[in-house]
Every structure is written in structure tokens, then in C-alpha cells.
Amino acid sequence: MNIIQRLKAPTPKFFKVLRTVGLALAAASGALLVAPIALPAAVITAAGYLAVAGSVATAVSQTAVTKESDQEEDDDGGT
């Protein structure tokens, strides 16, 4: 399976939730990093780490795919 097929394949529910959480972390940390007020250095550092963590979580969860056998079971209604 190449990268294009992997990105187009269905994503499991857990990884969809993880992708959403990662996007929210990245967005919140981006807002902190560009805040027009002076923030303590610890907050800026933590926001940088959260941005990286959110981006990585989003990228990894996007490439997770459902196995072929799991898809067939879901299509059959679990029987």
C-alpha cells in the first residue's frame, strides 16, 4: 500500500478522535505562540512542545487505516 492509498483508506474511529484532539492542541498552541501580549517563557516553551505534539498526533492518526478483515466484519454487521 503506497502513501496515497493509505491516506485515502478509511480511518478507525479512535484515530479520528485523536486527529481532532491533535488539531485542537496545535491550534491552541499556535494561538498562544502568536499572542500579542508578553507571556512567560515557560508558557511559550510549553506551547511550542504542544504544537509539535499536536502536529505529530494529527499526522500519525491520518495514516492509520482499518484492516481489510475489520472492514469486512463491519460491512457484514458484525456477524
PDB file of N, CA and C in Angstrom:
ATOM      1  N   MET A   1       0.855  -1.172   0.000  1.00  0.00           N
ATOM      2  CA  MET A   1       0.000   0.000   0.000  1.00  0.00           C
ATOM      3  C   MET A   1       0.905   1.240   0.000  1.00  0.00           C
ATOM      4  N   ASN A   2       0.734   2.090  -1.000  1.00  0.00           N
ATOM      5  CA  ASN A   2       1.552   3.305  -1.025  1.00  0.00           C
ATOM      6  C   ASN A   2       0.901   4.404  -0.191  1.00  0.00           C
ATOM      7  N   ILE A   3       1.582   5.523  -0.067  1.00  0.00           N
ATOM      8  CA  ILE A   3       1.131   6.588   0.842  1.00  0.00           C
ATOM      9  C   ILE A   3      -0.195   7.202   0.389  1.00  0.00           C
ATOM     10  N   ILE A   4      -0.420   7.317  -0.903  1.00  0.00           N
ATOM     11  CA  ILE A   4      -1.673   7.898  -1.397  1.00  0.00           C
ATOM     12  C   ILE A   4      -2.846   6.985  -1.054  1.00  0.00           C
ATOM     13  N   GLN A   5      -2.681   5.685  -1.267  1.00  0.00           N
ATOM     14  CA  GLN A   5      -3.743   4.734  -0.926  1.00  0.00           C
ATOM     15  C   GLN A   5      -3.992   4.735   0.582  1.00  0.00           C
ATOM     16  N   ARG A   6      -2.921   4.823   1.358  1.00  0.00           N
ATOM     17  CA  ARG A   6      -3.060   4.824   2.814  1.00  0.00           C
ATOM     18  C   ARG A   6      -3.840   6.051   3.281  1.00  0.00           C
ATOM     19  N   LEU A   7      -3.560   7.210   2.706  1.00  0.00           N
ATOM     20  CA  LEU A   7      -4.260   8.428   3.119  1.00  0.00           C
ATOM     21  C   LEU A   7      -5.727   8.418   2.692  1.00  0.00           C
ATOM     22  N   LYS A   8      -6.045   7.708   1.611  1.00  0.00           N
ATOM     23  CA  LYS A   8      -7.428   7.647   1.137  1.00  0.00           C
ATOM     24  C   LYS A   8      -8.241   6.547   1.812  1.00  0.00           C
ATOM     25  N   ALA A   9      -7.568   5.603   2.474  1.00  0.00           N
ATOM     26  CA  ALA A   9      -8.259   4.476   3.113  1.00  0.00           C
ATOM     27  C   ALA A   9      -9.041   4.956   4.335  1.00  0.00           C
ATOM     28  N   PRO A  10     -10.065   4.203   4.748  1.00  0.00           N
ATOM     29  CA  PRO A  10     -10.859   4.598   5.918  1.00  0.00           C
ATOM     30  C   PRO A  10     -10.028   4.600   7.199  1.00  0.00           C
ATOM     31  N   THR A  11     -10.299   5.567   8.063  1.00  0.00           N
ATOM     32  CA  THR A  11      -9.587   5.719   9.332  1.00  0.00           C
ATOM     33  C   THR A  11     -10.465   5.195  10.465  1.00  0.00           C
ATOM     34  N   PRO A  12      -9.880   4.408  11.401  1.00  0.00           N
ATOM     35  CA  PRO A  12     -10.664   3.928  12.551  1.00  0.00           C
ATOM     36  C   PRO A  12     -11.149   5.090  13.419  1.00  0.00           C
ATOM     37  N   LYS A  13     -12.231   4.851  14.149  1.00  0.00           N
ATOM     38  CA  LYS A  13     -12.857   5.905  14.958  1.00  0.00           C
ATOM     39  C   LYS A  13     -11.888   6.501  15.982  1.00  0.00           C
ATOM     40  N   PHE A  14     -11.107   5.659  16.672  1.00  0.00           N
ATOM     41  CA  PHE A  14     -10.169   6.152  17.675  1.00  0.00           C
ATOM     42  C   PHE A  14      -9.200   7.157  17.069  1.00  0.00           C
ATOM     43  N   PHE A  15      -8.699   6.872  15.877  1.00  0.00           N
ATOM     44  CA  PHE A  15      -7.731   7.756  15.255  1.00  0.00           C
ATOM     45  C   PHE A  15      -8.381   9.023  14.710  1.00  0.00           C
ATOM     46  N   LYS A  16      -9.667   8.964  14.393  1.00  0.00           N
ATOM     47  CA  LYS A  16     -10.377  10.189  14.015  1.00  0.00           C
ATOM     48  C   LYS A  16     -10.462  11.138  15.209  1.00  0.00           C
ATOM     49  N   VAL A  17     -10.752  10.570  16.385  1.00  0.00           N
ATOM     50  CA  VAL A  17     -10.805  11.383  17.606  1.00  0.00           C
ATOM     51  C   VAL A  17      -9.420  11.937  17.930  1.00  0.00           C
ATOM     52  N   LEU A  18      -8.395  11.083  17.813  1.00  0.00           N
ATOM     53  CA  LEU A  18      -7.023  11.517  18.075  1.00  0.00           C
ATOM     54  C   LEU A  18      -6.603  12.629  17.115  1.00  0.00           C
ATOM     55  N   ARG A  19      -7.020  12.530  15.862  1.00  0.00           N
ATOM     56  CA  ARG A  19      -6.702  13.568  14.878  1.00  0.00           C
ATOM     57  C   ARG A  19      -7.343  14.898  15.273  1.00  0.00           C
ATOM     58  N   THR A  20      -8.575  14.848  15.730  1.00  0.00           N
ATOM     59  CA  THR A  20      -9.269  16.063  16.154  1.00  0.00           C
ATOM     60  C   THR A  20      -8.601  16.690  17.375  1.00  0.00           C
ATOM     61  N   VAL A  21      -8.208  15.852  18.334  1.00  0.00           N
ATOM     62  CA  VAL A  21      -7.510  16.357  19.525  1.00  0.00           C
ATOM     63  C   VAL A  21      -6.167  16.971  19.130  1.00  0.00           C
ATOM     64  N   GLY A  22      -5.456  16.322  18.224  1.00  0.00           N
ATOM     65  CA  GLY A  22      -4.179  16.862  17.757  1.00  0.00           C
ATOM     66  C   GLY A  22      -4.341  18.203  17.070  1.00  0.00           C
ATOM     67  N   LEU A  23      -5.368  18.333  16.267  1.00  0.00           N
ATOM     68  CA  LEU A  23      -5.627  19.619  15.604  1.00  0.00           C
ATOM     69  C   LEU A  23      -5.966  20.710  16.617  1.00  0.00           C
ATOM     70  N   ALA A  24      -6.735  20.340  17.639  1.00  0.00           N
ATOM     71  CA  ALA A  24      -7.088  21.319  18.674  1.00  0.00           C
ATOM     72  C   ALA A  24      -5.859  21.752  19.457  1.00  0.00           C
ATOM     73  N   LEU A  25      -4.979  20.809  19.794  1.00  0.00           N
ATOM     74  CA  LEU A  25      -3.738  21.157  20.501  1.00  0.00           C
ATOM     75  C   LEU A  25      -2.865  22.084  19.663  1.00  0.00           C
ATOM     76  N   ALA A  26      -2.729  21.762  18.400  1.00  0.00           N
ATOM     77  CA  ALA A  26      -1.910  22.589  17.520  1.00  0.00           C
ATOM     78  C   ALA A  26      -2.499  23.996  17.382  1.00  0.00           C
ATOM     79  N   ALA A  27      -3.808  24.092  17.266  1.00  0.00           N
ATOM     80  CA  ALA A  27      -4.452  25.402  17.134  1.00  0.00           C
ATOM     81  C   ALA A  27      -4.315  26.229  18.416  1.00  0.00           C
ATOM     82  N   ALA A  28      -4.528  25.585  19.568  1.00  0.00           N
ATOM     83  CA  ALA A  28      -4.421  26.309  20.837  1.00  0.00           C
ATOM     84  C   ALA A  28      -2.996  26.776  21.081  1.00  0.00           C
ATOM     85  N   SER A  29      -2.038  25.923  20.784  1.00  0.00           N
ATOM     86  CA  SER A  29      -0.648  26.323  20.998  1.00  0.00           C
ATOM     87  C   SER A  29      -0.241  27.408  20.004  1.00  0.00           C
ATOM     88  N   GLY A  30      -0.755  27.342  18.797  1.00  0.00           N
ATOM     89  CA  GLY A  30      -0.467  28.403  17.823  1.00  0.00           C
ATOM     90  C   GLY A  30      -1.017  29.741  18.280  1.00  0.00           C
ATOM     91  N   ALA A  31      -2.188  29.722  18.897  1.00  0.00           N
ATOM     92  CA  ALA A  31      -2.760  30.965  19.421  1.00  0.00           C
ATOM     93  C   ALA A  31      -1.904  31.527  20.547  1.00  0.00           C
ATOM     94  N   LEU A  32      -1.376  30.655  21.385  1.00  0.00           N
ATOM     95  CA  LEU A  32      -0.501  31.122  22.466  1.00  0.00           C
ATOM     96  C   LEU A  32       0.811  31.676  21.920  1.00  0.00           C
ATOM     97  N   LEU A  33       1.342  31.046  20.889  1.00  0.00           N
ATOM     98  CA  LEU A  33       2.630  31.483  20.343  1.00  0.00           C
ATOM     99  C   LEU A  33       2.545  32.856  19.675  1.00  0.00           C
ATOM    100  N   VAL A  34       1.404  33.185  19.099  1.00  0.00           N
ATOM    101  CA  VAL A  34       1.281  34.467  18.402  1.00  0.00           C
ATOM    102  C   VAL A  34       0.488  35.497  19.203  1.00  0.00           C
ATOM    103  N   ALA A  35       0.309  35.240  20.488  1.00  0.00           N
ATOM    104  CA  ALA A  35      -0.448  36.169  21.330  1.00  0.00           C
ATOM    105  C   ALA A  35       0.246  37.542  21.355  1.00  0.00           C
ATOM    106  N   PRO A  36      -0.537  38.609  21.261  1.00  0.00           N
ATOM    107  CA  PRO A  36       0.055  39.955  21.211  1.00  0.00           C
ATOM    108  C   PRO A  36       0.555  40.450  22.571  1.00  0.00           C
ATOM    109  N   ILE A  37       0.356  39.671  23.617  1.00  0.00           N
ATOM    110  CA  ILE A  37       0.826  40.087  24.936  1.00  0.00           C
ATOM    111  C   ILE A  37       2.051  39.267  25.318  1.00  0.00           C
ATOM    112  N   ALA A  38       2.829  39.793  26.229  1.00  0.00           N
ATOM    113  CA  ALA A  38       4.021  39.089  26.690  1.00  0.00           C
ATOM    114  C   ALA A  38       3.609  37.973  27.644  1.00  0.00           C
ATOM    115  N   LEU A  39       4.049  36.766  27.334  1.00  0.00           N
ATOM    116  CA  LEU A  39       3.758  35.609  28.169  1.00  0.00           C
ATOM    117  C   LEU A  39       5.064  35.092  28.766  1.00  0.00           C
ATOM    118  N   PRO A  40       4.996  34.431  29.905  1.00  0.00           N
ATOM    119  CA  PRO A  40       6.212  33.870  30.493  1.00  0.00           C
ATOM    120  C   PRO A  40       6.889  32.871  29.548  1.00  0.00           C
ATOM    121  N   ALA A  41       8.182  32.738  29.704  1.00  0.00           N
ATOM    122  CA  ALA A  41       8.955  31.850  28.830  1.00  0.00           C
ATOM    123  C   ALA A  41       8.473  30.404  28.949  1.00  0.00           C
ATOM    124  N   ALA A  42       8.062  29.988  30.134  1.00  0.00           N
ATOM    125  CA  ALA A  42       7.597  28.612  30.330  1.00  0.00           C
ATOM    126  C   ALA A  42       6.341  28.340  29.503  1.00  0.00           C
ATOM    127  N   VAL A  43       5.463  29.325  29.397  1.00  0.00           N
ATOM    128  CA  VAL A  43       4.234  29.155  28.615  1.00  0.00           C
ATOM    129  C   VAL A  43       4.570  29.054  27.127  1.00  0.00           C
ATOM    130  N   ILE A  44       5.495  29.871  26.662  1.00  0.00           N
ATOM    131  CA  ILE A  44       5.908  29.838  25.257  1.00  0.00           C
ATOM    132  C   ILE A  44       6.568  28.501  24.928  1.00  0.00           C
ATOM    133  N   THR A  45       7.418  28.027  25.823  1.00  0.00           N
ATOM    134  CA  THR A  45       8.087  26.741  25.616  1.00  0.00           C
ATOM    135  C   THR A  45       7.063  25.601  25.585  1.00  0.00           C
ATOM    136  N   ALA A  46       6.143  25.604  26.533  1.00  0.00           N
ATOM    137  CA  ALA A  46       5.116  24.562  26.568  1.00  0.00           C
ATOM    138  C   ALA A  46       4.247  24.611  25.310  1.00  0.00           C
ATOM    139  N   ALA A  47       3.926  25.803  24.850  1.00  0.00           N
ATOM    140  CA  ALA A  47       3.116  25.936  23.635  1.00  0.00           C
ATOM    141  C   ALA A  47       3.861  25.382  22.421  1.00  0.00           C
ATOM    142  N   GLY A  48       5.156  25.575  22.376  1.00  0.00           N
ATOM    143  CA  GLY A  48       5.951  25.012  21.282  1.00  0.00           C
ATOM    144  C   GLY A  48       5.918  23.493  21.287  1.00  0.00           C
ATOM    145  N   TYR A  49       6.071  22.902  22.475  1.00  0.00           N
ATOM    146  CA  TYR A  49       6.009  21.449  22.593  1.00  0.00           C
ATOM    147  C   TYR A  49       4.619  20.924  22.237  1.00  0.00           C
ATOM    148  N   LEU A  50       3.581  21.632  22.655  1.00  0.00           N
ATOM    149  CA  LEU A  50       2.216  21.205  22.330  1.00  0.00           C
ATOM    150  C   LEU A  50       1.948  21.284  20.824  1.00  0.00           C
ATOM    151  N   ALA A  51       2.520  22.285  20.178  1.00  0.00           N
ATOM    152  CA  ALA A  51       2.351  22.411  18.730  1.00  0.00           C
ATOM    153  C   ALA A  51       2.972  21.210  18.019  1.00  0.00           C
ATOM    154  N   VAL A  52       4.157  20.825  18.450  1.00  0.00           N
ATOM    155  CA  VAL A  52       4.814  19.667  17.835  1.00  0.00           C
ATOM    156  C   VAL A  52       4.027  18.397  18.129  1.00  0.00           C
ATOM    157  N   ALA A  53       3.611  18.208  19.379  1.00  0.00           N
ATOM    158  CA  ALA A  53       2.865  17.009  19.756  1.00  0.00           C
ATOM    159  C   ALA A  53       1.545  16.919  18.985  1.00  0.00           C
ATOM    160  N   GLY A  54       0.841  18.027  18.869  1.00  0.00           N
ATOM    161  CA  GLY A  54      -0.415  18.041  18.125  1.00  0.00           C
ATOM    162  C   GLY A  54      -0.224  17.740  16.650  1.00  0.00           C
ATOM    163  N   SER A  55       0.827  18.294  16.070  1.00  0.00           N
ATOM    164  CA  SER A  55       1.107  18.046  14.654  1.00  0.00           C
ATOM    165  C   SER A  55       1.458  16.585  14.403  1.00  0.00           C
ATOM    166  N   VAL A  56       2.287  16.016  15.265  1.00  0.00           N
ATOM    167  CA  VAL A  56       2.680  14.612  15.104  1.00  0.00           C
ATOM    168  C   VAL A  56       1.475  13.699  15.303  1.00  0.00           C
ATOM    169  N   ALA A  57       0.673  13.963  16.321  1.00  0.00           N
ATOM    170  CA  ALA A  57      -0.515  13.140  16.567  1.00  0.00           C
ATOM    171  C   ALA A  57      -1.467  13.194  15.376  1.00  0.00           C
ATOM    172  N   THR A  58      -1.627  14.355  14.799  1.00  0.00           N
ATOM    173  CA  THR A  58      -2.510  14.503  13.643  1.00  0.00           C
ATOM    174  C   THR A  58      -1.966  13.741  12.439  1.00  0.00           C
ATOM    175  N   ALA A  59      -0.678  13.865  12.183  1.00  0.00           N
ATOM    176  CA  ALA A  59      -0.083  13.180  11.035  1.00  0.00           C
ATOM    177  C   ALA A  59      -0.137  11.666  11.192  1.00  0.00           C
ATOM    178  N   VAL A  60       0.181  11.171  12.367  1.00  0.00           N
ATOM    179  CA  VAL A  60       0.174   9.724  12.594  1.00  0.00           C
ATOM    180  C   VAL A  60      -1.240   9.174  12.516  1.00  0.00           C
ATOM    181  N   SER A  61      -2.198   9.871  13.105  1.00  0.00           N
ATOM    182  CA  SER A  61      -3.570   9.365  13.091  1.00  0.00           C
ATOM    183  C   SER A  61      -4.176   9.414  11.691  1.00  0.00           C
ATOM    184  N   GLN A  62      -3.713  10.300  10.850  1.00  0.00           N
ATOM    185  CA  GLN A  62      -4.232  10.374   9.493  1.00  0.00           C
ATOM    186  C   GLN A  62      -3.793   9.172   8.669  1.00  0.00           C
ATOM    187  N   THR A  63      -2.631   8.607   8.963  1.00  0.00           N
ATOM    188  CA  THR A  63      -2.127   7.490   8.170  1.00  0.00           C
ATOM    189  C   THR A  63      -2.563   6.133   8.707  1.00  0.00           C
ATOM    190  N   ALA A  64      -3.252   6.086   9.853  1.00  0.00           N
ATOM    191  CA  ALA A  64      -3.759   4.813  10.373  1.00  0.00           C
ATOM    192  C   ALA A  64      -4.938   4.363   9.528  1.00  0.00           C
ATOM    193  N   VAL A  65      -4.971   3.077   9.205  1.00  0.00           N
ATOM    194  CA  VAL A  65      -6.045   2.546   8.368  1.00  0.00           C
ATOM    195  C   VAL A  65      -6.689   1.346   9.043  1.00  0.00           C
ATOM    196  N   THR A  66      -7.910   1.078   8.654  1.00  0.00           N
ATOM    197  CA  THR A  66      -8.633  -0.092   9.121  1.00  0.00           C
ATOM    198  C   THR A  66      -8.156  -1.300   8.318  1.00  0.00           C
ATOM    199  N   LYS A  67      -7.928  -2.423   9.010  1.00  0.00           N
ATOM    200  CA  LYS A  67      -7.503  -3.635   8.312  1.00  0.00           C
ATOM    201  C   LYS A  67      -8.627  -4.130   7.421  1.00  0.00           C
ATOM    202  N   GLU A  68      -8.257  -4.837   6.366  1.00  0.00           N
ATOM    203  CA  GLU A  68      -9.238  -5.378   5.422  1.00  0.00           C
ATOM    204  C   GLU A  68     -10.241  -6.277   6.129  1.00  0.00           C
ATOM    205  N   SER A  69      -9.773  -7.148   7.035  1.00  0.00           N
ATOM    206  CA  SER A  69     -10.682  -8.081   7.710  1.00  0.00           C
ATOM    207  C   SER A  69     -11.652  -7.333   8.619  1.00  0.00           C
ATOM    208  N   ASP A  70     -11.207  -6.232   9.255  1.00  0.00           N
ATOM    209  CA  ASP A  70     -12.092  -5.434  10.086  1.00  0.00           C
ATOM    210  C   ASP A  70     -13.178  -4.759   9.269  1.00  0.00           C
ATOM    211  N   GLN A  71     -12.830  -4.313   8.077  1.00  0.00           N
ATOM    212  CA  GLN A  71     -13.818  -3.671   7.205  1.00  0.00           C
ATOM    213  C   GLN A  71     -14.888  -4.655   6.793  1.00  0.00           C
ATOM    214  N   GLU A  72     -14.500  -5.892   6.475  1.00  0.00           N
ATOM    215  CA  GLU A  72     -15.467  -6.882   6.047  1.00  0.00           C
ATOM    216  C   GLU A  72     -16.433  -7.235   7.176  1.00  0.00           C
ATOM    217  N   GLU A  73     -15.900  -7.325   8.417  1.00  0.00           N
ATOM    218  CA  GLU A  73     -16.762  -7.607   9.562  1.00  0.00           C
ATOM    219  C   GLU A  73     -17.741  -6.479   9.804  1.00  0.00           C
ATOM    220  N   ASP A  74     -17.270  -5.228   9.651  1.00  0.00           N
ATOM    221  CA  ASP A  74     -18.160  -4.076   9.845  1.00  0.00           C
ATOM    222  C   ASP A  74     -19.234  -4.040   8.763  1.00  0.00           C
ATOM    223  N   ASP A  75     -18.867  -4.416   7.536  1.00  0.00           N
ATOM    224  CA  ASP A  75     -19.826  -4.416   6.430  1.00  0.00           C
ATOM    225  C   ASP A  75     -20.899  -5.489   6.618  1.00  0.00           C
ATOM    226  N   ASP A  76     -20.530  -6.596   7.256  1.00  0.00           N
ATOM    227  CA  ASP A  76     -21.470  -7.695   7.471  1.00  0.00           C
ATOM    228  C   ASP A  76     -22.349  -7.461   8.681  1.00  0.00           C
ATOM    229  N   GLY A  77     -22.125  -6.398   9.392  1.00  0.00           N
ATOM    230  CA  GLY A  77     -22.922  -6.131  10.583  1.00  0.00           C
ATOM    231  C   GLY A  77     -22.393  -6.846  11.799  1.00  0.00           C
ATOM    232  N   GLY A  78     -21.118  -7.298  11.745  1.00  0.00           N
ATOM    233  CA  GLY A  78     -20.511  -7.946  12.902  1.00  0.00           C
ATOM    234  C   GLY A  78     -20.852  -9.408  13.044  1.00  0.00           C
ATOM    235  N   THR A  79     -21.420  -9.986  12.013  1.00  0.00           N
ATOM    236  CA  THR A  79     -21.760 -11.415  12.115  1.00  0.00           C
ATOM    237  C   THR A  79     -20.750 -12.262  11.404  1.00  0.00           C
TER     238      THR A  79
END
